[in-house]
Structures are given as structure tokens and as C-alpha cells.
Amino acid sequence: MSVIRIRQRGSALIVAMLVAALVAILAVQLAQAFVVNASLAESRLLQQRFETYLRGAEELALAALQQDWQHDSMSAEGVVDHAGESWALELPPLPTDDGMLQVSIVDAQGLFNINNLRVRTAYHDDNGAPPAQRFSAPQRQFIRLLKSIESLALSDSEAMAVTEAITDWIDSDDQVSGMGGAESLFYQNAGTGLQAANQPLSDLSELLLVRHVTPELLVQLRQRAVALPGLTSLNVNTATPLVLRALNDEQQLQAADEEDVLAILDLRARQPWLQVAEFMTAGFPADPQGPLAMIGAEDADTEQDATPLYSVFSQYFLASVRVMIDDQERQMQSLIYRDDNGVYALARYNGDIR
């Protein structure tokens, strides 16, 4: 009997130990689940805080641009945008309860709009035509822009090939441009499985899909170009020094001299231009000669959308927002459009839209 009792006691002890072990395991699992759920809840709360700050900073940018538009609309000089206006001023980081936020606005029309390349002349398929006749004004500007990148040292033919390939990617047909262009057939034969988009770019990163465009070139283009919807004018009051080098006499494919750019920047710093005609008579070799030059006037595909090559005001802006909460950071960039009907955020991106 004693042996039976010992065995029973041993079995009971084993069962008790198993139950204790099971309870311990369940307790650990519950604790882990609690920690995970608490972490997820904290993460969601943190994300909501970031979203609130990001959207709030965007609203500040929208309000600043709206106020500037209303002020200029009532001015005798009309709407003129330049780097001396309040929206363009660089503000210090703004403190918050648990970190800081920073917002800055740049004029997107002070950069080269890559989608302007879709404008072609009537001689775009004539490889024997001189460049001033074969390439449209935006295409000539882009060729100069490429040739101004000293680290790449592109030749005329290489810059033309890049321009032709991008034009083919964003135009509306499957007709190859020149010797350097590429439509869907080229990409299929190359085994990429791609087809030419045949529509405007929404982000410069898409250029990595295009023939001749390398990561090194894209890095340089991000400093000089942007992808904006439709055709846009270049604001001569806010055009960056790198973009101003793309302007030259219409017969030239070489970039403008740095000395000429510095001279025009010095003149602009003293007094922004109130009319494009003032810029055209300032002595800078802009392409083409004439303040009323239009983008798309010679292209049947874009004639109805023809827009001035240059302007002194802008409708597209880029607002960059950076938020810090404790040791974490979030960034957002908003593409903003402004007209008589109001100011709107057309798109929001994490990182760089350009």
C-alpha cells in the first residue's frame, strides 16, 4: 500500500508540476502578447502624432501661399513670385511639445519641368535639320542642362540621345525620335519586358527605366529638374543657378557661361523682374529671343496647351516637411498647386518627389 501511495503522490506531483509549467507558459505568452499589443498601440499613436504634425505643417505652407496670392492679386504689379517673398524665407525649426518640425517651400517652376520635353517641332524626325530647328525650346534647354553637368561630361550627341529617349518615353506615340530614341519595341527587344509609358512622368525616379539614363545622371537631375503635370513656364525670378545655365541663344547647345549666370543672379537680387520682357532685355542669352515665346506652339499634339516659355509667377510649389518626435523622424513632400480658385495639395510623398 505504501508503494501505491508513493506512486500516487509522485503522479500528483508530476501533474502539479505540469500544471505549474503550463500556467507559467501561458503567463509568459500573455505577457508577451500584452507587450506586443502595447507596442503596436504605441506605434499607432506615434504615427498619428507624426501625421498630425505633417498635415499641420502642410496647412501652414498652403496658408502662406494663399496669403501671398491674395496680396499679389491686389497689387498694382500683379502676381509676381520671387525669392524675397515671405513664403520663400527659410524658417528655423519650430519646437513642439515632444520635438520639433520644420517646413520649407520652394518654387517648383524654378526647376526644369521634365514633362516639357514632350513638345516637339515639325522637324523633330528630320535628323539632318539643325538642332535649333529639330529640337523645341524645352528640348534645347534640356540638352544644355545635361551638358552643364561637368561630372558627366556628355557630348552633344550623348545629350541629344538622352533627350530623345526621354521624349519618346513621355510622348503619346510609338514613333522613335532620332538615333537615340526608344519606344516599346526597343525595350521589348532588350528583354526588359517594358513598354514606353507614353505619358508624362509623375516622379523623376521613373527615368531609371529609360534608355541612356543612369543612376548617376538621375542624382544630378534631381538637383535641376522636377516632374510637373502639364506644360509649365520657367519662373525667371526663381530659376536656380543650375537651371539658368540651361538658357542660351537658340542656336547654341552649350550651357551658358557661369559668369553670365552670376551676373544675372546679382541683377535679380537687386530687383526681381515684374515682366518677362525685363528679363529678356537684361542681357542674358535666353532661348528663344522674345518674351512671348510659347511652349507647344509648333506641336500639333500640344498646341491647345501652349504656355509661355518664361514667366515671373508660379502655380506649382514643393513644400518639404520634417518632424522629429523624441529620437524618431518623418519627412514628407507635398506638391502644391495654386490658382484663382485656391491652393491645393495635389500629391504627398514620403521623401523626394523630384
Protein backbone atom coordinates (compact mmCIF):
# COMPACT_ATOMS: atom_id res chain seq x y z
CA MET A 1 0.00 0.00 0.00
CA SER A 2 2.82 2.36 0.81
CA VAL A 3 4.26 1.84 -2.65
CA ILE A 4 0.88 2.69 -4.21
CA ARG A 5 0.60 5.83 -2.11
CA ILE A 6 4.11 6.89 -3.11
CA ARG A 7 3.28 6.34 -6.76
CA GLN A 8 0.05 8.31 -6.40
CA ARG A 9 1.83 11.12 -4.65
CA GLY A 10 4.50 11.10 -7.36
CA SER A 11 1.89 11.25 -10.12
CA ALA A 12 0.10 14.09 -8.35
CA LEU A 13 3.38 15.94 -8.02
CA ILE A 14 4.12 15.46 -11.70
CA VAL A 15 0.64 16.70 -12.61
CA ALA A 16 1.09 19.69 -10.33
CA MET A 17 4.45 20.45 -11.91
CA LEU A 18 2.93 20.15 -15.38
CA VAL A 19 0.07 22.45 -14.42
CA ALA A 20 2.53 24.95 -12.94
CA ALA A 21 4.64 24.78 -16.06
CA LEU A 22 1.57 25.27 -18.25
CA VAL A 23 0.46 28.25 -16.17
CA ALA A 24 3.95 29.73 -16.42
CA ILE A 25 3.97 29.28 -20.20
CA LEU A 26 0.53 30.87 -20.51
CA ALA A 27 1.63 33.72 -18.27
CA VAL A 28 4.71 34.35 -20.43
CA GLN A 29 2.64 34.21 -23.61
CA LEU A 30 0.07 36.60 -22.18
CA ALA A 31 2.82 38.95 -21.06
CA GLN A 32 4.42 38.81 -24.50
CA ALA A 33 1.06 39.41 -26.17
CA PHE A 34 0.46 42.36 -23.86
CA VAL A 35 3.86 43.82 -24.69
CA VAL A 36 3.27 43.34 -28.43
CA ASN A 37 -0.20 44.89 -28.28
CA ALA A 38 1.08 47.76 -26.17
CA SER A 39 3.94 48.30 -28.63
CA LEU A 40 1.53 48.27 -31.58
CA ALA A 41 -0.78 50.72 -29.82
CA GLU A 42 2.17 52.98 -29.02
CA SER A 43 3.36 52.77 -32.63
CA ARG A 44 -0.10 53.66 -33.94
CA LEU A 45 -0.31 56.57 -31.54
CA LEU A 46 3.14 57.77 -32.59
CA GLN A 47 2.19 57.50 -36.25
CA GLN A 48 -0.96 59.53 -35.59
CA ARG A 49 1.12 62.21 -33.89
CA PHE A 50 3.50 62.33 -36.84
CA GLU A 51 0.58 62.53 -39.27
CA THR A 52 -0.95 65.40 -37.29
CA TYR A 53 2.28 67.38 -37.33
CA LEU A 54 2.96 66.67 -41.02
CA ARG A 55 -0.51 67.73 -42.12
CA GLY A 56 -0.39 70.75 -39.82
CA ALA A 57 2.88 71.90 -41.35
CA GLU A 58 1.42 71.39 -44.83
CA GLU A 59 -1.51 73.59 -43.85
CA LEU A 60 0.96 76.31 -42.84
CA ALA A 61 2.52 76.11 -46.30
CA LEU A 62 -0.89 76.27 -48.01
CA ALA A 63 -1.88 79.29 -45.92
CA ALA A 64 1.37 81.11 -46.70
CA LEU A 65 0.95 80.59 -50.44
CA GLN A 66 -2.74 81.58 -50.31
CA GLN A 67 -1.91 84.76 -48.44
CA ASP A 68 0.82 85.63 -50.95
CA TRP A 69 -1.56 85.07 -53.90
CA GLN A 70 -4.23 87.30 -52.36
CA HIS A 71 -1.68 90.01 -51.60
CA ASP A 72 -0.25 89.94 -55.14
CA SER A 73 -3.70 89.86 -56.72
CA MET A 74 -4.50 93.20 -55.09
CA SER A 75 -1.12 94.68 -56.01
CA ALA A 76 -0.74 97.07 -58.91
CA GLU A 77 2.23 94.99 -60.09
CA GLY A 78 0.13 91.83 -60.35
CA VAL A 79 1.20 88.36 -59.25
CA VAL A 80 4.99 88.19 -59.07
CA ASP A 81 6.83 85.39 -57.24
CA HIS A 82 10.46 85.76 -56.19
CA ALA A 83 12.88 84.56 -53.53
CA GLY A 84 12.37 87.63 -51.36
CA GLU A 85 8.75 86.85 -50.53
CA SER A 86 7.71 85.52 -47.14
CA TRP A 87 6.79 82.02 -48.40
CA ALA A 88 10.35 81.56 -49.70
CA LEU A 89 12.14 82.56 -46.50
CA GLU A 90 14.00 79.81 -44.67
CA LEU A 91 12.49 79.40 -41.22
CA PRO A 92 14.26 77.87 -38.21
CA PRO A 93 12.91 74.61 -36.76
CA LEU A 94 9.72 75.14 -34.75
CA PRO A 95 9.66 73.50 -31.29
CA THR A 96 6.79 71.19 -30.33
CA ASP A 97 5.83 69.54 -27.02
CA ASP A 98 7.96 66.50 -27.81
CA GLY A 99 10.35 67.52 -30.59
CA MET A 100 10.35 69.93 -33.49
CA LEU A 101 9.04 70.44 -37.01
CA GLN A 102 10.49 72.27 -39.98
CA VAL A 103 8.75 73.35 -43.18
CA SER A 104 10.21 74.95 -46.28
CA ILE A 105 8.72 75.94 -49.64
CA VAL A 106 10.49 76.06 -52.97
CA ASP A 107 9.13 77.19 -56.30
CA ALA A 108 8.78 74.08 -58.46
CA GLN A 109 8.75 76.29 -61.54
CA GLY A 110 12.25 77.43 -60.72
CA LEU A 111 13.32 73.93 -61.84
CA PHE A 112 13.18 72.35 -65.29
CA ASN A 113 9.90 70.52 -65.88
CA ILE A 114 10.91 67.20 -67.44
CA ASN A 115 7.44 66.81 -68.94
CA ASN A 116 8.01 69.86 -71.16
CA LEU A 117 10.19 67.57 -73.30
CA ARG A 118 7.11 66.12 -74.96
CA VAL A 119 6.86 69.32 -77.03
CA ARG A 120 8.39 68.77 -80.46
CA THR A 121 8.85 70.84 -83.60
CA ALA A 122 7.63 70.00 -87.10
CA TYR A 123 11.22 68.88 -87.89
CA HIS A 124 11.64 66.50 -84.96
CA ASP A 125 12.01 63.48 -87.28
CA ASP A 126 14.47 65.19 -89.64
CA ASN A 127 17.91 64.04 -88.45
CA GLY A 128 19.55 66.37 -90.97
CA ALA A 129 17.89 69.50 -89.63
CA PRO A 130 19.99 71.87 -87.49
CA PRO A 131 19.39 71.47 -83.72
CA ALA A 132 17.68 74.86 -83.42
CA GLN A 133 15.10 73.65 -85.93
CA ARG A 134 14.91 70.00 -84.97
CA PHE A 135 14.59 70.41 -81.20
CA SER A 136 11.97 72.53 -79.44
CA ALA A 137 12.96 75.24 -76.98
CA PRO A 138 12.45 72.99 -73.90
CA GLN A 139 14.44 70.19 -75.58
CA ARG A 140 17.31 72.56 -76.35
CA GLN A 141 17.23 73.75 -72.75
CA PHE A 142 17.44 70.16 -71.53
CA ILE A 143 20.38 69.38 -73.80
CA ARG A 144 22.23 72.37 -72.32
CA LEU A 145 21.18 71.26 -68.84
CA LEU A 146 22.78 67.87 -69.46
CA LYS A 147 25.93 69.39 -70.90
CA SER A 148 26.29 71.68 -67.86
CA ILE A 149 26.82 68.62 -65.62
CA GLU A 150 30.60 68.70 -65.56
CA SER A 151 30.99 65.39 -63.72
CA LEU A 152 29.34 63.53 -66.62
CA ALA A 153 30.95 65.47 -69.49
CA LEU A 154 28.30 64.48 -72.04
CA SER A 155 28.93 65.25 -75.69
CA ASP A 156 26.33 66.89 -77.94
CA SER A 157 25.32 63.53 -79.40
CA GLU A 158 25.05 61.88 -75.97
CA ALA A 159 22.93 64.73 -74.58
CA MET A 160 20.71 64.57 -77.65
CA ALA A 161 20.29 60.80 -77.24
CA VAL A 162 19.19 61.16 -73.61
CA THR A 163 16.75 63.90 -74.61
CA GLU A 164 15.31 61.80 -77.44
CA ALA A 165 14.88 58.72 -75.24
CA ILE A 166 13.05 60.64 -72.50
CA THR A 167 10.90 62.38 -75.11
CA ASP A 168 9.87 59.00 -76.53
CA TRP A 169 9.05 57.72 -73.05
CA ILE A 170 6.61 60.54 -72.30
CA ASP A 171 5.18 61.41 -75.72
CA SER A 172 1.90 59.94 -76.90
CA ASP A 173 3.07 57.87 -79.88
CA ASP A 174 5.39 54.99 -80.77
CA GLN A 175 7.49 56.91 -83.30
CA VAL A 176 11.18 56.78 -82.41
CA SER A 177 12.90 60.16 -82.08
CA GLY A 178 16.24 60.42 -83.87
CA MET A 179 19.08 57.94 -83.36
CA GLY A 180 18.95 57.92 -79.57
CA GLY A 181 15.23 57.49 -79.01
CA ALA A 182 13.48 54.34 -77.80
CA GLU A 183 9.90 53.20 -77.98
CA SER A 184 8.26 49.98 -76.80
CA LEU A 185 9.91 47.83 -79.48
CA PHE A 186 13.38 48.77 -78.22
CA TYR A 187 12.59 47.79 -74.62
CA GLN A 188 10.97 44.52 -75.70
CA ASN A 189 13.96 43.58 -77.87
CA ALA A 190 16.25 44.45 -74.96
CA GLY A 191 14.48 41.83 -72.87
CA THR A 192 13.34 44.29 -70.21
CA GLY A 193 9.67 43.41 -70.56
CA LEU A 194 8.91 47.14 -70.55
CA GLN A 195 6.82 49.31 -72.79
CA ALA A 196 7.26 53.03 -73.23
CA ALA A 197 4.91 54.79 -70.81
CA ASN A 198 3.72 57.25 -73.48
CA GLN A 199 2.51 59.60 -70.77
CA PRO A 200 4.04 62.30 -68.56
CA LEU A 201 6.23 61.32 -65.62
CA SER A 202 4.86 61.68 -62.11
CA ASP A 203 8.25 61.16 -60.43
CA LEU A 204 11.81 61.55 -61.66
CA SER A 205 12.67 58.06 -60.37
CA GLU A 206 10.80 56.66 -63.39
CA LEU A 207 13.67 57.88 -65.53
CA LEU A 208 15.74 54.88 -64.43
CA LEU A 209 13.55 52.82 -66.77
CA VAL A 210 14.52 54.98 -69.75
CA ARG A 211 17.30 54.22 -72.22
CA HIS A 212 20.59 56.08 -71.55
CA VAL A 213 19.53 57.26 -68.05
CA THR A 214 21.94 56.07 -65.34
CA PRO A 215 21.67 56.37 -61.54
CA GLU A 216 24.49 58.93 -61.67
CA LEU A 217 22.54 61.04 -64.14
CA LEU A 218 19.38 60.81 -62.05
CA VAL A 219 21.23 62.12 -58.98
CA GLN A 220 22.27 65.18 -60.97
CA LEU A 221 18.81 65.70 -62.48
CA ARG A 222 17.19 65.73 -59.03
CA GLN A 223 19.10 68.96 -58.37
CA ARG A 224 17.87 70.56 -61.57
CA ALA A 225 14.54 69.09 -62.65
CA VAL A 226 11.07 68.17 -61.45
CA ALA A 227 8.10 66.27 -62.90
CA LEU A 228 5.08 68.57 -63.03
CA PRO A 229 1.73 67.82 -64.66
CA GLY A 230 1.18 69.54 -67.99
CA LEU A 231 3.35 72.21 -69.57
CA THR A 232 4.78 74.85 -67.27
CA SER A 233 6.69 78.09 -67.64
CA LEU A 234 10.09 78.65 -66.07
CA ASN A 235 9.89 81.41 -63.48
CA VAL A 236 12.88 83.63 -64.25
CA ASN A 237 12.68 85.14 -60.76
CA THR A 238 13.21 81.80 -59.01
CA ALA A 239 15.11 79.71 -61.59
CA THR A 240 18.06 78.15 -59.78
CA PRO A 241 21.63 78.86 -60.90
CA LEU A 242 21.92 75.28 -62.23
CA VAL A 243 18.79 75.75 -64.35
CA LEU A 244 19.83 79.19 -65.60
CA ARG A 245 22.83 77.52 -67.21
CA ALA A 246 20.35 75.73 -69.50
CA LEU A 247 19.34 79.04 -71.07
CA ASN A 248 21.31 80.27 -74.04
CA ASP A 249 20.93 81.57 -77.55
CA GLU A 250 18.63 79.30 -79.58
CA GLN A 251 21.45 78.43 -81.98
CA GLN A 252 23.65 77.17 -79.13
CA LEU A 253 23.64 73.78 -77.42
CA GLN A 254 26.35 74.78 -74.99
CA ALA A 255 25.42 75.77 -71.44
CA ALA A 256 25.51 79.44 -70.53
CA ASP A 257 28.75 80.71 -69.02
CA GLU A 258 28.89 80.72 -65.23
CA GLU A 259 29.95 84.38 -65.34
CA ASP A 260 26.73 85.27 -67.19
CA VAL A 261 24.70 83.34 -64.63
CA LEU A 262 26.37 85.12 -61.72
CA ALA A 263 25.75 88.49 -63.38
CA ILE A 264 22.05 87.78 -63.87
CA LEU A 265 21.75 86.49 -60.29
CA ASP A 266 23.29 89.70 -58.99
CA LEU A 267 20.89 91.77 -61.08
CA ARG A 268 17.91 89.68 -59.94
CA ALA A 269 18.91 90.00 -56.28
CA ARG A 270 18.66 93.78 -56.53
CA GLN A 271 15.21 93.79 -58.08
CA PRO A 272 13.01 90.90 -59.23
CA TRP A 273 11.57 91.18 -62.72
CA LEU A 274 7.96 92.30 -62.89
CA GLN A 275 7.61 91.22 -66.53
CA VAL A 276 9.33 88.63 -68.69
CA ALA A 277 10.30 91.38 -71.13
CA GLU A 278 12.54 92.89 -68.44
CA PHE A 279 14.43 89.63 -68.12
CA MET A 280 14.77 89.24 -71.88
CA THR A 281 16.36 92.68 -72.16
CA ALA A 282 18.71 92.16 -69.21
CA GLY A 283 21.48 90.86 -71.44
CA PHE A 284 21.24 87.17 -70.55
CA PRO A 285 21.30 84.87 -73.62
CA ALA A 286 17.90 83.25 -73.18
CA ASP A 287 16.37 80.87 -75.70
CA PRO A 288 14.44 81.88 -77.74
CA GLN A 289 14.68 85.64 -78.12
CA GLY A 290 11.26 87.08 -77.40
CA PRO A 291 9.27 87.47 -74.18
CA LEU A 292 6.13 85.89 -75.66
CA ALA A 293 7.75 82.64 -76.77
CA MET A 294 5.33 79.76 -76.27
CA ILE A 295 5.90 76.11 -75.39
CA GLY A 296 3.95 73.87 -77.73
CA ALA A 297 3.01 76.43 -80.35
CA GLU A 298 4.69 74.37 -83.08
CA ASP A 299 3.49 70.96 -81.93
CA ALA A 300 0.13 69.69 -83.12
CA ASP A 301 -0.15 67.47 -80.02
CA THR A 302 0.24 70.36 -77.57
CA GLU A 303 -0.88 73.43 -79.48
CA GLN A 304 -4.04 73.80 -77.41
CA ASP A 305 -1.97 73.60 -74.23
CA ALA A 306 0.63 76.11 -75.42
CA THR A 307 2.04 78.09 -72.50
CA PRO A 308 4.68 80.84 -72.21
CA LEU A 309 8.27 79.61 -72.06
CA TYR A 310 9.04 82.06 -69.24
CA SER A 311 7.02 83.73 -66.51
CA VAL A 312 7.50 85.88 -63.40
CA PHE A 313 4.97 83.99 -61.29
CA SER A 314 4.32 80.36 -60.43
CA GLN A 315 1.47 77.97 -59.74
CA TYR A 316 3.38 74.85 -58.62
CA PHE A 317 5.35 74.67 -55.39
CA LEU A 318 7.03 71.99 -53.31
CA ALA A 319 6.59 72.03 -49.54
CA SER A 320 9.08 69.90 -47.60
CA VAL A 321 8.22 68.97 -44.02
CA ARG A 322 10.45 67.33 -41.42
CA VAL A 323 9.14 66.28 -37.99
CA MET A 324 11.14 64.98 -35.02
CA ILE A 325 9.45 63.27 -32.04
CA ASP A 326 11.93 62.14 -29.42
CA ASP A 327 14.59 60.30 -31.43
CA GLN A 328 12.40 59.45 -34.45
CA GLU A 329 11.98 61.45 -37.65
CA ARG A 330 9.48 61.57 -40.52
CA GLN A 331 9.65 63.54 -43.78
CA MET A 332 7.03 64.43 -46.34
CA GLN A 333 6.97 66.47 -49.51
CA SER A 334 3.78 67.97 -50.94
CA LEU A 335 3.22 69.14 -54.50
CA ILE A 336 1.05 72.24 -54.23
CA TYR A 337 -0.94 73.94 -56.97
CA ARG A 338 -2.28 77.49 -56.73
CA ASP A 339 -4.72 79.48 -58.85
CA ASP A 340 -7.66 81.85 -58.54
CA ASN A 341 -9.78 79.07 -57.09
CA GLY A 342 -7.49 78.36 -54.16
CA VAL A 343 -4.43 76.41 -53.07
CA TYR A 344 -4.38 72.62 -53.17
CA ALA A 345 -2.03 69.77 -52.26
CA LEU A 346 -2.01 67.64 -55.41
CA ALA A 347 0.19 64.86 -54.08
CA ARG A 348 2.09 63.83 -50.97
CA TYR A 349 5.26 61.77 -50.96
CA ASN A 350 7.50 60.27 -48.33
CA GLY A 351 10.91 61.50 -49.36
CA ASP A 352 11.75 63.46 -52.53
CA ILE A 353 9.07 63.91 -55.19
CA ARG A 354 11.50 65.15 -57.74
